Amino acid sequence: MPIVEFDQEEYDFGTVVEGEKVEGVFKVTNAGKVDLIILNVKPSCGCTTPNWTKEPIAPGASGEIKFEFNSTGRVGVQNKSITVKSNAEKNTQVIRLKGTVTAKK
């Protein structure tokens, strides 16, 4: 079975001003012995847009889950999750992004 390893399971974007868009990347490595296929990536809210490696990830190879967080209307502490479904032994995993959005002055 494929085994998913993330370079980080939580992305801290620090502090941004409302209206800014935050972009980030989670690196995904296949630590298993057969191809890893990321089937779906679903954010916890519409403010986060994911994009991920669609082709199979060979054993030992890596892919990416990129995201964009739109901070418009989201003042305060943010804790968002992204659910990753794959053909791995642990077929559903959750990665997170967090940070603080301050009001425009």
C-alpha atoms as a PDB file:
ATOM      1  CA  MET A   1       0.000   0.000   0.000  1.00  0.00           C
ATOM      2  CA  PRO A   2       1.108   3.588  -0.512  1.00  0.00           C
ATOM      3  CA  ILE A   3       1.997   5.592   2.594  1.00  0.00           C
ATOM      4  CA  VAL A   4       1.410   9.357   2.660  1.00  0.00           C
ATOM      5  CA  GLU A   5       4.017  11.555   4.334  1.00  0.00           C
ATOM      6  CA  PHE A   6       3.528  15.330   4.501  1.00  0.00           C
ATOM      7  CA  ASP A   7       6.458  17.729   4.934  1.00  0.00           C
ATOM      8  CA  GLN A   8       4.214  19.496   7.457  1.00  0.00           C
ATOM      9  CA  GLU A   9       0.694  18.864   8.701  1.00  0.00           C
ATOM     10  CA  GLU A  10       0.054  22.461   9.738  1.00  0.00           C
ATOM     11  CA  TYR A  11       0.847  25.586   7.724  1.00  0.00           C
ATOM     12  CA  ASP A  12       1.085  28.771   9.807  1.00  0.00           C
ATOM     13  CA  PHE A  13       0.652  31.829   7.578  1.00  0.00           C
ATOM     14  CA  GLY A  14       1.224  34.266  10.442  1.00  0.00           C
ATOM     15  CA  THR A  15      -0.653  37.577  10.345  1.00  0.00           C
ATOM     16  CA  VAL A  16      -2.177  39.100   7.223  1.00  0.00           C
ATOM     17  CA  VAL A  17      -4.447  42.087   6.563  1.00  0.00           C
ATOM     18  CA  GLU A  18      -8.043  41.333   5.589  1.00  0.00           C
ATOM     19  CA  GLY A  19      -8.363  40.993   1.816  1.00  0.00           C
ATOM     20  CA  GLU A  20      -4.912  39.475   1.292  1.00  0.00           C
ATOM     21  CA  LYS A  21      -4.653  36.064  -0.325  1.00  0.00           C
ATOM     22  CA  VAL A  22      -2.294  33.532   1.229  1.00  0.00           C
ATOM     23  CA  GLU A  23      -0.744  30.841  -0.957  1.00  0.00           C
ATOM     24  CA  GLY A  24       1.057  27.801   0.377  1.00  0.00           C
ATOM     25  CA  VAL A  25       2.167  24.274  -0.453  1.00  0.00           C
ATOM     26  CA  PHE A  26       2.125  20.976   1.391  1.00  0.00           C
ATOM     27  CA  LYS A  27       4.657  18.509  -0.052  1.00  0.00           C
ATOM     28  CA  VAL A  28       3.339  14.934  -0.229  1.00  0.00           C
ATOM     29  CA  THR A  29       5.781  12.014  -0.428  1.00  0.00           C
ATOM     30  CA  ASN A  30       4.843   8.420  -1.155  1.00  0.00           C
ATOM     31  CA  ALA A  31       6.732   6.303   1.404  1.00  0.00           C
ATOM     32  CA  GLY A  32       4.976   3.122   0.290  1.00  0.00           C
ATOM     33  CA  LYS A  33       5.758   0.467  -2.321  1.00  0.00           C
ATOM     34  CA  VAL A  34       3.029   1.174  -4.924  1.00  0.00           C
ATOM     35  CA  ASP A  35       1.748   4.333  -6.628  1.00  0.00           C
ATOM     36  CA  LEU A  36      -0.070   6.872  -4.464  1.00  0.00           C
ATOM     37  CA  ILE A  37      -3.159   8.466  -5.954  1.00  0.00           C
ATOM     38  CA  ILE A  38      -4.674  11.550  -4.334  1.00  0.00           C
ATOM     39  CA  LEU A  39      -8.372  11.060  -5.027  1.00  0.00           C
ATOM     40  CA  ASN A  40      -9.798  14.256  -3.578  1.00  0.00           C
ATOM     41  CA  VAL A  41      -8.794  17.297  -1.545  1.00  0.00           C
ATOM     42  CA  LYS A  42     -11.611  19.132   0.236  1.00  0.00           C
ATOM     43  CA  PRO A  43     -11.224  22.361   2.253  1.00  0.00           C
ATOM     44  CA  SER A  44     -13.358  23.080   5.318  1.00  0.00           C
ATOM     45  CA  CYS A  45     -14.703  26.307   3.800  1.00  0.00           C
ATOM     46  CA  GLY A  46     -15.085  28.132   0.497  1.00  0.00           C
ATOM     47  CA  CYS A  47     -12.351  30.603   1.498  1.00  0.00           C
ATOM     48  CA  THR A  48      -9.693  27.982   0.718  1.00  0.00           C
ATOM     49  CA  THR A  49      -9.044  26.718  -2.818  1.00  0.00           C
ATOM     50  CA  PRO A  50      -6.849  23.618  -3.212  1.00  0.00           C
ATOM     51  CA  ASN A  51      -4.982  22.316  -6.251  1.00  0.00           C
ATOM     52  CA  TRP A  52      -3.092  19.020  -6.130  1.00  0.00           C
ATOM     53  CA  THR A  53      -1.001  16.541  -8.094  1.00  0.00           C
ATOM     54  CA  LYS A  54      -3.507  14.521 -10.139  1.00  0.00           C
ATOM     55  CA  GLU A  55      -1.157  11.912 -11.647  1.00  0.00           C
ATOM     56  CA  PRO A  56      -0.019   8.878  -9.596  1.00  0.00           C
ATOM     57  CA  ILE A  57       2.951   9.528  -7.290  1.00  0.00           C
ATOM     58  CA  ALA A  58       5.497   6.713  -7.594  1.00  0.00           C
ATOM     59  CA  PRO A  59       7.120   5.133  -4.508  1.00  0.00           C
ATOM     60  CA  GLY A  60       9.753   7.545  -3.173  1.00  0.00           C
ATOM     61  CA  ALA A  61       8.455  10.415  -5.320  1.00  0.00           C
ATOM     62  CA  SER A  62       6.656  13.558  -4.206  1.00  0.00           C
ATOM     63  CA  GLY A  63       3.694  15.645  -5.258  1.00  0.00           C
ATOM     64  CA  GLU A  64       2.083  18.814  -3.948  1.00  0.00           C
ATOM     65  CA  ILE A  65      -1.104  20.130  -2.485  1.00  0.00           C
ATOM     66  CA  LYS A  66      -1.208  23.857  -3.163  1.00  0.00           C
ATOM     67  CA  PHE A  67      -3.781  26.117  -1.581  1.00  0.00           C
ATOM     68  CA  GLU A  68      -4.969  29.700  -1.674  1.00  0.00           C
ATOM     69  CA  PHE A  69      -6.741  31.205   1.351  1.00  0.00           C
ATOM     70  CA  ASN A  70      -8.827  34.329   0.731  1.00  0.00           C
ATOM     71  CA  SER A  71      -8.926  36.402   3.928  1.00  0.00           C
ATOM     72  CA  THR A  72     -11.752  38.730   2.795  1.00  0.00           C
ATOM     73  CA  GLY A  73     -14.389  38.861   5.557  1.00  0.00           C
ATOM     74  CA  ARG A  74     -12.362  36.571   7.825  1.00  0.00           C
ATOM     75  CA  VAL A  75     -10.998  38.899  10.564  1.00  0.00           C
ATOM     76  CA  GLY A  76      -9.600  37.102  13.613  1.00  0.00           C
ATOM     77  CA  VAL A  77      -7.814  33.832  14.348  1.00  0.00           C
ATOM     78  CA  GLN A  78      -8.171  31.316  11.524  1.00  0.00           C
ATOM     79  CA  ASN A  79      -7.994  27.528  11.823  1.00  0.00           C
ATOM     80  CA  LYS A  80      -8.906  25.829   8.549  1.00  0.00           C
ATOM     81  CA  SER A  81      -8.637  22.183   7.602  1.00  0.00           C
ATOM     82  CA  ILE A  82      -8.125  20.379   4.315  1.00  0.00           C
ATOM     83  CA  THR A  83      -9.225  16.739   4.073  1.00  0.00           C
ATOM     84  CA  VAL A  84      -7.069  14.609   1.774  1.00  0.00           C
ATOM     85  CA  LYS A  85      -8.472  11.332   0.418  1.00  0.00           C
ATOM     86  CA  SER A  86      -6.121   8.873  -1.273  1.00  0.00           C
ATOM     87  CA  ASN A  87      -5.565   5.192  -1.970  1.00  0.00           C
ATOM     88  CA  ALA A  88      -3.130   4.983   0.979  1.00  0.00           C
ATOM     89  CA  GLU A  89      -3.570   2.647   3.931  1.00  0.00           C
ATOM     90  CA  LYS A  90      -4.710   5.668   5.960  1.00  0.00           C
ATOM     91  CA  ASN A  91      -7.053   6.841   3.197  1.00  0.00           C
ATOM     92  CA  THR A  92      -8.302  10.054   4.851  1.00  0.00           C
ATOM     93  CA  GLN A  93      -5.941  12.553   6.447  1.00  0.00           C
ATOM     94  CA  VAL A  94      -6.397  16.141   7.581  1.00  0.00           C
ATOM     95  CA  ILE A  95      -3.876  18.940   7.134  1.00  0.00           C
ATOM     96  CA  ARG A  96      -4.404  22.416   8.568  1.00  0.00           C
ATOM     97  CA  LEU A  97      -3.657  26.053   7.985  1.00  0.00           C
ATOM     98  CA  LYS A  98      -3.768  28.688  10.656  1.00  0.00           C
ATOM     99  CA  GLY A  99      -3.028  32.329  11.178  1.00  0.00           C
ATOM    100  CA  THR A 100      -4.545  35.666  12.092  1.00  0.00           C
ATOM    101  CA  VAL A 101      -6.347  38.136   9.864  1.00  0.00           C
ATOM    102  CA  THR A 102      -6.326  41.764  11.033  1.00  0.00           C
ATOM    103  CA  ALA A 103      -8.867  44.360   9.968  1.00  0.00           C
ATOM    104  CA  LYS A 104      -7.970  46.865   7.273  1.00  0.00           C
ATOM    105  CA  LYS A 105      -7.044  50.289   8.646  1.00  0.00           C
END
